[in-house]
Amino acid sequence: MECVCREERRKQQLSDLGSNVGRCRELRCLGRKELVILSGVSSSVIAGIEAPNMFTSHKVGGYLAIAEALEVYPHVLFNLTSNDTYDEKIMVQTSIPRKERIRRQLYMLGSNLKHYRNQEGLEKHDLANLSGLSESTINRIEAPNIFTNNTMGTWIALADALEMPLHTLFDFTKGDLQWKYY
């Protein structure tokens, strides 16, 4: 029963995320082709993300590139409601190459995970057991010198295990880091 509920939550979060990407793209008056050019993410991946009944878990780096192309904080893509306006913009430092900006965001994701895991008083093996992931996956994500581009399904499982909204892990606007590495 728990497995079914977890899978349904994962599907709902992926569906909501896809809807939010489509909504942000439309609010920005961008077609999919323009988003492909701005983000560097393939048109088939963007179409798969935005498809209402496609629950494919793409690599998180693609979502970060899409958020950057849409000029929104990454956590906005996970937490957009129908009443929200498109006013949460970010200033992208164009002197830093896109690949490096994504690497820095992946680092911040790992740091956020470690912060919230420690806040909950969990050891890595505890989080691994709760999320259904291996402890080595948790180690790679939290390692400051390894930039892992896991799937969104991995991040959904981690947020679910920590009993927090997915957007919290992707919020780089709070805490010690606060865009320090962006």
N, C-alpha and C. Protein backbone atom coordinates (compact mmCIF):
# COMPACT_ATOMS: atom_id res chain seq x y z
N MET A 1 0.83 -1.20 0.00
CA MET A 1 0.00 0.00 0.00
C MET A 1 0.87 1.26 0.00
N GLU A 2 1.88 1.31 0.90
CA GLU A 2 2.77 2.48 0.95
C GLU A 2 3.46 2.70 -0.38
N CYS A 3 3.86 1.61 -1.03
CA CYS A 3 4.56 1.69 -2.31
C CYS A 3 3.66 2.33 -3.37
N VAL A 4 2.38 1.96 -3.37
CA VAL A 4 1.42 2.52 -4.33
C VAL A 4 1.24 4.01 -4.08
N CYS A 5 1.10 4.40 -2.80
CA CYS A 5 0.92 5.82 -2.47
C CYS A 5 2.15 6.62 -2.86
N ARG A 6 3.32 6.09 -2.60
CA ARG A 6 4.57 6.78 -2.94
C ARG A 6 4.67 6.96 -4.44
N GLU A 7 4.33 5.92 -5.20
CA GLU A 7 4.39 6.00 -6.67
C GLU A 7 3.38 7.01 -7.20
N GLU A 8 2.20 7.05 -6.61
CA GLU A 8 1.19 8.02 -7.03
C GLU A 8 1.64 9.45 -6.72
N ARG A 9 2.25 9.66 -5.56
CA ARG A 9 2.77 10.99 -5.22
C ARG A 9 3.87 11.40 -6.19
N ARG A 10 4.74 10.45 -6.54
CA ARG A 10 5.82 10.73 -7.49
C ARG A 10 5.23 11.14 -8.84
N LYS A 11 4.24 10.41 -9.31
CA LYS A 11 3.61 10.74 -10.59
C LYS A 11 2.95 12.11 -10.53
N GLN A 12 2.28 12.41 -9.43
CA GLN A 12 1.62 13.71 -9.29
C GLN A 12 2.64 14.84 -9.28
N GLN A 13 3.76 14.65 -8.58
CA GLN A 13 4.78 15.70 -8.53
C GLN A 13 5.42 15.91 -9.90
N LEU A 14 5.67 14.84 -10.64
CA LEU A 14 6.22 14.98 -11.99
C LEU A 14 5.22 15.67 -12.90
N SER A 15 3.94 15.32 -12.76
CA SER A 15 2.89 15.96 -13.57
C SER A 15 2.78 17.45 -13.24
N ASP A 16 2.78 17.78 -11.94
CA ASP A 16 2.71 19.19 -11.52
C ASP A 16 3.92 19.97 -12.03
N LEU A 17 5.09 19.35 -11.94
CA LEU A 17 6.30 20.00 -12.41
C LEU A 17 6.22 20.28 -13.90
N GLY A 18 5.74 19.31 -14.67
CA GLY A 18 5.58 19.50 -16.11
C GLY A 18 4.60 20.62 -16.43
N SER A 19 3.50 20.67 -15.69
CA SER A 19 2.52 21.74 -15.87
C SER A 19 3.13 23.10 -15.56
N ASN A 20 3.93 23.15 -14.50
CA ASN A 20 4.56 24.41 -14.12
C ASN A 20 5.59 24.87 -15.14
N VAL A 21 6.34 23.93 -15.71
CA VAL A 21 7.29 24.29 -16.77
C VAL A 21 6.52 24.88 -17.95
N GLY A 22 5.43 24.22 -18.35
CA GLY A 22 4.61 24.73 -19.45
C GLY A 22 4.02 26.10 -19.15
N ARG A 23 3.55 26.27 -17.92
CA ARG A 23 2.95 27.55 -17.53
C ARG A 23 3.99 28.67 -17.52
N CYS A 24 5.16 28.39 -16.96
CA CYS A 24 6.23 29.41 -16.95
C CYS A 24 6.65 29.76 -18.38
N ARG A 25 6.73 28.74 -19.22
CA ARG A 25 7.12 28.97 -20.61
C ARG A 25 6.09 29.86 -21.30
N GLU A 26 4.82 29.59 -21.07
CA GLU A 26 3.76 30.40 -21.68
C GLU A 26 3.76 31.82 -21.12
N LEU A 27 3.95 31.96 -19.80
CA LEU A 27 4.00 33.30 -19.19
C LEU A 27 5.18 34.11 -19.72
N ARG A 28 6.22 33.41 -20.12
CA ARG A 28 7.42 34.06 -20.71
C ARG A 28 7.24 34.27 -22.21
N CYS A 29 6.09 33.81 -22.74
CA CYS A 29 5.78 33.92 -24.18
C CYS A 29 6.84 33.20 -25.02
N LEU A 30 7.22 32.02 -24.57
CA LEU A 30 8.20 31.22 -25.30
C LEU A 30 7.54 29.97 -25.87
N GLY A 31 7.91 29.64 -27.09
CA GLY A 31 7.54 28.35 -27.64
C GLY A 31 8.55 27.32 -27.18
N ARG A 32 8.25 26.07 -27.45
CA ARG A 32 9.20 25.01 -27.05
C ARG A 32 10.54 25.17 -27.76
N LYS A 33 10.50 25.59 -29.01
CA LYS A 33 11.75 25.75 -29.76
C LYS A 33 12.64 26.80 -29.10
N GLU A 34 12.04 27.90 -28.66
CA GLU A 34 12.82 28.94 -28.00
C GLU A 34 13.41 28.42 -26.68
N LEU A 35 12.61 27.63 -25.95
CA LEU A 35 13.11 27.08 -24.69
C LEU A 35 14.26 26.10 -24.93
N VAL A 36 14.18 25.36 -26.02
CA VAL A 36 15.27 24.45 -26.39
C VAL A 36 16.56 25.25 -26.60
N ILE A 37 16.45 26.34 -27.33
CA ILE A 37 17.62 27.16 -27.63
C ILE A 37 18.18 27.79 -26.35
N LEU A 38 17.30 28.33 -25.51
CA LEU A 38 17.74 29.02 -24.30
C LEU A 38 18.30 28.07 -23.23
N SER A 39 17.74 26.87 -23.14
CA SER A 39 18.13 25.95 -22.07
C SER A 39 19.19 24.94 -22.48
N GLY A 40 19.24 24.64 -23.76
CA GLY A 40 20.15 23.59 -24.21
C GLY A 40 19.60 22.20 -23.96
N VAL A 41 18.34 22.10 -23.57
CA VAL A 41 17.68 20.82 -23.32
C VAL A 41 16.93 20.44 -24.60
N SER A 42 16.97 19.17 -24.95
CA SER A 42 16.37 18.73 -26.21
C SER A 42 14.86 18.93 -26.23
N SER A 43 14.32 19.09 -27.42
CA SER A 43 12.87 19.30 -27.56
C SER A 43 12.10 18.07 -27.08
N SER A 44 12.64 16.86 -27.27
CA SER A 44 11.93 15.66 -26.83
C SER A 44 11.86 15.60 -25.30
N VAL A 45 12.92 16.05 -24.62
CA VAL A 45 12.90 16.07 -23.15
C VAL A 45 11.89 17.11 -22.67
N ILE A 46 11.90 18.29 -23.26
CA ILE A 46 10.94 19.32 -22.85
C ILE A 46 9.51 18.86 -23.11
N ALA A 47 9.27 18.26 -24.27
CA ALA A 47 7.94 17.74 -24.57
C ALA A 47 7.54 16.66 -23.57
N GLY A 48 8.49 15.79 -23.21
CA GLY A 48 8.20 14.74 -22.23
C GLY A 48 7.91 15.30 -20.86
N ILE A 49 8.61 16.33 -20.47
CA ILE A 49 8.38 16.96 -19.16
C ILE A 49 7.00 17.60 -19.13
N GLU A 50 6.62 18.28 -20.20
CA GLU A 50 5.35 19.00 -20.23
C GLU A 50 4.14 18.10 -20.52
N ALA A 51 4.36 16.89 -21.02
CA ALA A 51 3.24 15.99 -21.35
C ALA A 51 2.49 15.62 -20.07
N PRO A 52 1.14 15.75 -20.09
CA PRO A 52 0.38 15.56 -18.86
C PRO A 52 0.41 14.13 -18.30
N ASN A 53 0.55 13.14 -19.13
CA ASN A 53 0.52 11.77 -18.63
C ASN A 53 1.84 11.03 -18.82
N MET A 54 2.90 11.78 -19.02
CA MET A 54 4.23 11.18 -19.12
C MET A 54 4.91 11.37 -17.77
N PHE A 55 5.24 10.29 -17.12
CA PHE A 55 5.83 10.39 -15.80
C PHE A 55 7.29 9.98 -15.85
N THR A 56 7.97 10.48 -16.86
CA THR A 56 9.38 10.16 -17.03
C THR A 56 10.20 11.08 -16.13
N SER A 57 11.12 10.48 -15.44
CA SER A 57 11.97 11.23 -14.52
C SER A 57 13.28 11.57 -15.22
N HIS A 58 13.40 12.79 -15.70
CA HIS A 58 14.60 13.23 -16.40
C HIS A 58 15.67 13.67 -15.41
N LYS A 59 16.87 13.88 -15.91
CA LYS A 59 17.98 14.32 -15.07
C LYS A 59 17.70 15.72 -14.52
N VAL A 60 18.09 15.94 -13.29
CA VAL A 60 17.80 17.20 -12.61
C VAL A 60 18.52 18.37 -13.27
N GLY A 61 19.69 18.14 -13.88
CA GLY A 61 20.41 19.21 -14.56
C GLY A 61 19.58 19.85 -15.66
N GLY A 62 18.76 19.05 -16.32
CA GLY A 62 17.86 19.59 -17.35
C GLY A 62 16.83 20.54 -16.76
N TYR A 63 16.27 20.18 -15.61
CA TYR A 63 15.31 21.05 -14.94
C TYR A 63 15.96 22.35 -14.49
N LEU A 64 17.20 22.24 -14.01
CA LEU A 64 17.92 23.45 -13.59
C LEU A 64 18.18 24.37 -14.78
N ALA A 65 18.55 23.78 -15.92
CA ALA A 65 18.79 24.58 -17.13
C ALA A 65 17.49 25.23 -17.61
N ILE A 66 16.38 24.49 -17.50
CA ILE A 66 15.08 25.04 -17.91
C ILE A 66 14.69 26.20 -16.98
N ALA A 67 14.88 26.03 -15.67
CA ALA A 67 14.55 27.11 -14.73
C ALA A 67 15.37 28.35 -15.05
N GLU A 68 16.64 28.15 -15.33
CA GLU A 68 17.50 29.28 -15.67
C GLU A 68 17.03 29.96 -16.95
N ALA A 69 16.69 29.17 -17.95
CA ALA A 69 16.22 29.73 -19.23
C ALA A 69 14.91 30.50 -19.04
N LEU A 70 14.08 30.03 -18.11
CA LEU A 70 12.81 30.70 -17.83
C LEU A 70 12.97 31.86 -16.84
N GLU A 71 14.21 32.04 -16.37
CA GLU A 71 14.55 33.12 -15.44
C GLU A 71 13.77 33.05 -14.13
N VAL A 72 13.63 31.83 -13.59
CA VAL A 72 13.00 31.65 -12.29
C VAL A 72 13.93 30.86 -11.39
N TYR A 73 13.78 31.06 -10.10
CA TYR A 73 14.50 30.22 -9.16
C TYR A 73 14.05 28.78 -9.39
N PRO A 74 14.94 27.81 -9.25
CA PRO A 74 14.53 26.42 -9.48
C PRO A 74 13.34 25.98 -8.62
N HIS A 75 13.28 26.42 -7.37
CA HIS A 75 12.18 25.98 -6.51
C HIS A 75 10.82 26.50 -6.99
N VAL A 76 10.81 27.58 -7.78
CA VAL A 76 9.54 28.11 -8.29
C VAL A 76 8.87 27.10 -9.21
N LEU A 77 9.66 26.35 -9.98
CA LEU A 77 9.07 25.36 -10.88
C LEU A 77 8.32 24.27 -10.12
N PHE A 78 8.67 24.04 -8.87
CA PHE A 78 8.03 23.00 -8.09
C PHE A 78 6.88 23.51 -7.25
N ASN A 79 6.73 24.80 -7.16
CA ASN A 79 5.79 25.37 -6.20
C ASN A 79 4.93 26.47 -6.80
N LEU A 80 4.65 26.39 -8.07
CA LEU A 80 3.86 27.41 -8.75
C LEU A 80 2.39 27.06 -8.62
N THR A 81 1.56 28.03 -8.26
CA THR A 81 0.13 27.80 -8.19
C THR A 81 -0.53 28.62 -9.29
N SER A 82 -1.79 28.33 -9.54
CA SER A 82 -2.49 29.02 -10.63
C SER A 82 -2.66 30.51 -10.36
N ASN A 83 -2.53 30.94 -9.11
CA ASN A 83 -2.69 32.36 -8.77
C ASN A 83 -1.38 33.13 -8.85
N ASP A 84 -0.27 32.42 -8.99
CA ASP A 84 1.03 33.09 -9.00
C ASP A 84 1.24 33.90 -10.27
N THR A 85 1.93 35.00 -10.11
CA THR A 85 2.34 35.78 -11.27
C THR A 85 3.80 35.46 -11.56
N TYR A 86 4.24 35.89 -12.67
CA TYR A 86 5.59 35.56 -13.10
C TYR A 86 6.53 36.69 -12.69
N ASP A 87 6.73 36.85 -11.39
CA ASP A 87 7.56 37.97 -10.96
C ASP A 87 8.77 37.55 -10.13
N GLU A 88 9.00 36.25 -9.97
CA GLU A 88 10.17 35.79 -9.23
C GLU A 88 11.30 35.52 -10.22
N LYS A 89 12.01 36.56 -10.58
CA LYS A 89 13.10 36.44 -11.56
C LYS A 89 14.44 36.31 -10.85
N ILE A 90 15.39 35.81 -11.55
CA ILE A 90 16.74 35.74 -11.01
C ILE A 90 17.67 36.48 -11.94
N MET A 91 18.75 36.92 -11.39
CA MET A 91 19.79 37.56 -12.18
C MET A 91 20.84 36.51 -12.49
N VAL A 92 21.00 36.16 -13.72
CA VAL A 92 21.96 35.14 -14.11
C VAL A 92 23.30 35.82 -14.40
N GLN A 93 24.34 35.31 -13.76
CA GLN A 93 25.67 35.85 -14.00
C GLN A 93 26.18 35.25 -15.30
N THR A 94 26.11 36.01 -16.36
CA THR A 94 26.44 35.48 -17.68
C THR A 94 27.93 35.25 -17.87
N SER A 95 28.76 35.80 -16.98
CA SER A 95 30.21 35.57 -17.13
C SER A 95 30.60 34.14 -16.75
N ILE A 96 29.72 33.46 -16.02
CA ILE A 96 29.97 32.06 -15.65
C ILE A 96 29.28 31.18 -16.69
N PRO A 97 30.01 30.27 -17.32
CA PRO A 97 29.39 29.39 -18.33
C PRO A 97 28.25 28.56 -17.73
N ARG A 98 27.24 28.27 -18.56
CA ARG A 98 26.05 27.54 -18.13
C ARG A 98 26.41 26.24 -17.43
N LYS A 99 27.33 25.48 -17.99
CA LYS A 99 27.69 24.19 -17.41
C LYS A 99 28.21 24.36 -15.98
N GLU A 100 28.99 25.39 -15.74
CA GLU A 100 29.51 25.66 -14.40
C GLU A 100 28.39 26.11 -13.46
N ARG A 101 27.45 26.91 -13.95
CA ARG A 101 26.32 27.33 -13.11
C ARG A 101 25.51 26.12 -12.68
N ILE A 102 25.28 25.18 -13.60
CA ILE A 102 24.53 23.97 -13.27
C ILE A 102 25.30 23.13 -12.26
N ARG A 103 26.61 23.02 -12.44
CA ARG A 103 27.44 22.28 -11.47
C ARG A 103 27.31 22.90 -10.08
N ARG A 104 27.32 24.21 -10.01
CA ARG A 104 27.19 24.89 -8.72
C ARG A 104 25.82 24.64 -8.09
N GLN A 105 24.80 24.61 -8.91
CA GLN A 105 23.46 24.32 -8.39
C GLN A 105 23.37 22.88 -7.91
N LEU A 106 24.01 21.95 -8.62
CA LEU A 106 24.03 20.56 -8.17
C LEU A 106 24.75 20.46 -6.82
N TYR A 107 25.80 21.23 -6.66
CA TYR A 107 26.50 21.29 -5.37
C TYR A 107 25.55 21.80 -4.28
N MET A 108 24.81 22.86 -4.59
CA MET A 108 23.89 23.42 -3.61
C MET A 108 22.78 22.44 -3.26
N LEU A 109 22.33 21.65 -4.25
CA LEU A 109 21.33 20.62 -3.97
C LEU A 109 21.86 19.62 -2.94
N GLY A 110 23.10 19.16 -3.16
CA GLY A 110 23.71 18.23 -2.22
C GLY A 110 23.86 18.85 -0.84
N SER A 111 24.24 20.12 -0.79
CA SER A 111 24.37 20.82 0.49
C SER A 111 23.03 20.96 1.19
N ASN A 112 21.99 21.28 0.41
CA ASN A 112 20.65 21.37 0.99
C ASN A 112 20.21 20.02 1.55
N LEU A 113 20.47 18.95 0.80
CA LEU A 113 20.09 17.62 1.28
C LEU A 113 20.78 17.32 2.60
N LYS A 114 22.07 17.56 2.66
CA LYS A 114 22.83 17.30 3.89
C LYS A 114 22.29 18.13 5.05
N HIS A 115 22.00 19.39 4.79
CA HIS A 115 21.46 20.28 5.81
C HIS A 115 20.15 19.73 6.38
N TYR A 116 19.20 19.39 5.50
CA TYR A 116 17.90 18.92 5.96
C TYR A 116 17.98 17.53 6.58
N ARG A 117 18.87 16.69 6.09
CA ARG A 117 19.07 15.36 6.70
C ARG A 117 19.57 15.53 8.13
N ASN A 118 20.58 16.39 8.30
CA ASN A 118 21.12 16.65 9.65
C ASN A 118 20.08 17.30 10.55
N GLN A 119 19.29 18.20 9.98
CA GLN A 119 18.24 18.87 10.75
C GLN A 119 17.24 17.86 11.30
N GLU A 120 16.97 16.81 10.53
CA GLU A 120 16.05 15.76 10.97
C GLU A 120 16.72 14.73 11.87
N GLY A 121 18.04 14.86 12.06
CA GLY A 121 18.76 13.92 12.91
C GLY A 121 18.95 12.55 12.28
N LEU A 122 19.02 12.53 10.96
CA LEU A 122 19.16 11.26 10.24
C LEU A 122 20.60 11.04 9.81
N GLU A 123 21.03 9.80 9.89
CA GLU A 123 22.30 9.39 9.32
C GLU A 123 22.05 9.06 7.85
N LYS A 124 23.11 8.97 7.08
CA LYS A 124 22.97 8.66 5.65
C LYS A 124 22.26 7.33 5.43
N HIS A 125 22.59 6.33 6.24
CA HIS A 125 21.95 5.02 6.06
C HIS A 125 20.46 5.08 6.40
N ASP A 126 20.07 5.96 7.34
CA ASP A 126 18.66 6.13 7.67
C ASP A 126 17.90 6.71 6.47
N LEU A 127 18.47 7.75 5.88
CA LEU A 127 17.84 8.38 4.72
C LEU A 127 17.78 7.39 3.55
N ALA A 128 18.83 6.61 3.39
CA ALA A 128 18.83 5.60 2.33
C ALA A 128 17.68 4.62 2.53
N ASN A 129 17.50 4.14 3.74
CA ASN A 129 16.42 3.20 4.03
C ASN A 129 15.04 3.83 3.81
N LEU A 130 14.87 5.06 4.26
CA LEU A 130 13.58 5.74 4.11
C LEU A 130 13.24 6.05 2.66
N SER A 131 14.26 6.36 1.86
CA SER A 131 14.03 6.78 0.47
C SER A 131 14.04 5.62 -0.52
N GLY A 132 14.59 4.49 -0.10
CA GLY A 132 14.71 3.37 -1.02
C GLY A 132 15.92 3.49 -1.94
N LEU A 133 16.80 4.43 -1.62
CA LEU A 133 18.02 4.62 -2.41
C LEU A 133 19.19 3.98 -1.66
N SER A 134 20.30 3.83 -2.35
CA SER A 134 21.47 3.26 -1.69
C SER A 134 22.21 4.34 -0.91
N GLU A 135 22.94 3.91 0.10
CA GLU A 135 23.74 4.86 0.88
C GLU A 135 24.82 5.49 0.00
N SER A 136 25.33 4.74 -0.97
CA SER A 136 26.35 5.31 -1.86
C SER A 136 25.77 6.43 -2.72
N THR A 137 24.48 6.35 -3.08
CA THR A 137 23.83 7.43 -3.81
C THR A 137 23.78 8.68 -2.95
N ILE A 138 23.41 8.52 -1.69
CA ILE A 138 23.36 9.66 -0.76
C ILE A 138 24.77 10.25 -0.61
N ASN A 139 25.77 9.39 -0.47
CA ASN A 139 27.16 9.86 -0.35
C ASN A 139 27.58 10.68 -1.56
N ARG A 140 27.26 10.20 -2.75
CA ARG A 140 27.64 10.92 -3.98
C ARG A 140 26.93 12.27 -4.06
N ILE A 141 25.67 12.30 -3.72
CA ILE A 141 24.91 13.55 -3.79
C ILE A 141 25.48 14.59 -2.82
N GLU A 142 25.81 14.16 -1.62
CA GLU A 142 26.28 15.10 -0.60
C GLU A 142 27.76 15.43 -0.72
N ALA A 143 28.51 14.68 -1.49
CA ALA A 143 29.96 14.92 -1.60
C ALA A 143 30.21 16.27 -2.27
N PRO A 144 31.03 17.13 -1.67
CA PRO A 144 31.25 18.47 -2.22
C PRO A 144 32.05 18.49 -3.52
N ASN A 145 32.76 17.42 -3.81
CA ASN A 145 33.60 17.41 -5.01
C ASN A 145 33.04 16.52 -6.12
N ILE A 146 31.85 15.97 -5.92
CA ILE A 146 31.22 15.13 -6.94
C ILE A 146 29.90 15.78 -7.33
N PHE A 147 29.68 15.99 -8.60
CA PHE A 147 28.46 16.63 -9.06
C PHE A 147 27.60 15.60 -9.77
N THR A 148 26.66 15.02 -9.04
CA THR A 148 25.82 13.98 -9.61
C THR A 148 24.55 14.58 -10.17
N ASN A 149 24.23 14.17 -11.36
CA ASN A 149 23.02 14.64 -12.04
C ASN A 149 22.00 13.51 -12.00
N ASN A 150 21.40 13.32 -10.82
CA ASN A 150 20.42 12.26 -10.64
C ASN A 150 19.10 12.62 -11.30
N THR A 151 18.22 11.64 -11.36
CA THR A 151 16.90 11.89 -11.95
C THR A 151 16.02 12.63 -10.96
N MET A 152 14.98 13.24 -11.47
CA MET A 152 14.03 13.93 -10.61
C MET A 152 13.35 12.93 -9.67
N GLY A 153 13.19 11.68 -10.11
CA GLY A 153 12.62 10.65 -9.25
C GLY A 153 13.43 10.44 -7.99
N THR A 154 14.76 10.54 -8.10
CA THR A 154 15.64 10.43 -6.93
C THR A 154 15.33 11.55 -5.95
N TRP A 155 15.19 12.77 -6.46
CA TRP A 155 14.92 13.91 -5.58
C TRP A 155 13.54 13.86 -4.98
N ILE A 156 12.58 13.33 -5.72
CA ILE A 156 11.23 13.16 -5.17
C ILE A 156 11.27 12.16 -4.02
N ALA A 157 12.00 11.05 -4.20
CA ALA A 157 12.13 10.05 -3.14
C ALA A 157 12.79 10.64 -1.90
N LEU A 158 13.81 11.47 -2.10
CA LEU A 158 14.50 12.09 -0.97
C LEU A 158 13.59 13.07 -0.22
N ALA A 159 12.87 13.90 -0.96
CA ALA A 159 11.94 14.84 -0.33
C ALA A 159 10.85 14.09 0.41
N ASP A 160 10.36 13.02 -0.19
CA ASP A 160 9.33 12.19 0.44
C ASP A 160 9.86 11.58 1.74
N ALA A 161 11.08 11.07 1.71
CA ALA A 161 11.69 10.46 2.89
C ALA A 161 11.89 11.48 4.00
N LEU A 162 12.21 12.72 3.63
CA LEU A 162 12.40 13.79 4.62
C LEU A 162 11.08 14.45 5.01
N GLU A 163 10.00 13.99 4.37
CA GLU A 163 8.66 14.53 4.62
C GLU A 163 8.61 16.04 4.44
N MET A 164 9.13 16.48 3.30
CA MET A 164 9.13 17.91 2.99
C MET A 164 8.72 18.10 1.53
N PRO A 165 8.22 19.27 1.21
CA PRO A 165 7.89 19.55 -0.19
C PRO A 165 9.16 19.53 -1.05
N LEU A 166 9.04 19.05 -2.25
CA LEU A 166 10.18 18.95 -3.16
C LEU A 166 10.85 20.30 -3.38
N HIS A 167 10.07 21.35 -3.47
CA HIS A 167 10.64 22.68 -3.75
C HIS A 167 11.61 23.14 -2.66
N THR A 168 11.47 22.63 -1.45
CA THR A 168 12.37 23.02 -0.36
C THR A 168 13.81 22.63 -0.66
N LEU A 169 14.02 21.45 -1.21
CA LEU A 169 15.38 21.02 -1.55
C LEU A 169 16.00 21.88 -2.65
N PHE A 170 15.17 22.44 -3.51
CA PHE A 170 15.65 23.23 -4.65
C PHE A 170 15.67 24.73 -4.36
N ASP A 171 15.39 25.10 -3.13
CA ASP A 171 15.39 26.52 -2.77
C ASP A 171 16.79 26.93 -2.36
N PHE A 172 17.45 27.67 -3.22
CA PHE A 172 18.82 28.13 -2.97
C PHE A 172 18.86 29.56 -2.46
N THR A 173 17.72 30.08 -2.06
CA THR A 173 17.64 31.49 -1.64
C THR A 173 17.74 31.65 -0.13
N LYS A 174 17.82 30.54 0.61
CA LYS A 174 17.86 30.61 2.06
C LYS A 174 19.08 29.87 2.58
N GLY A 175 19.39 30.10 3.82
CA GLY A 175 20.45 29.34 4.47
C GLY A 175 21.84 29.90 4.22
N ASP A 176 22.83 29.11 4.60
CA ASP A 176 24.22 29.54 4.53
C ASP A 176 24.71 29.78 3.12
N LEU A 177 24.26 28.96 2.18
CA LEU A 177 24.75 29.08 0.81
C LEU A 177 24.23 30.33 0.12
N GLN A 178 22.93 30.51 0.13
CA GLN A 178 22.25 31.65 -0.46
C GLN A 178 22.98 32.22 -1.68
N TRP A 179 23.09 31.43 -2.71
CA TRP A 179 23.69 31.81 -3.99
C TRP A 179 25.19 32.05 -3.88
N LYS A 180 25.78 31.63 -2.79
CA LYS A 180 27.22 31.82 -2.60
C LYS A 180 28.01 31.25 -3.77
N TYR A 181 27.58 30.12 -4.28
CA TYR A 181 28.31 29.45 -5.35
C TYR A 181 27.65 29.62 -6.70
N TYR A 182 26.72 30.53 -6.83
CA TYR A 182 25.98 30.67 -8.09
C TYR A 182 26.50 31.83 -8.89
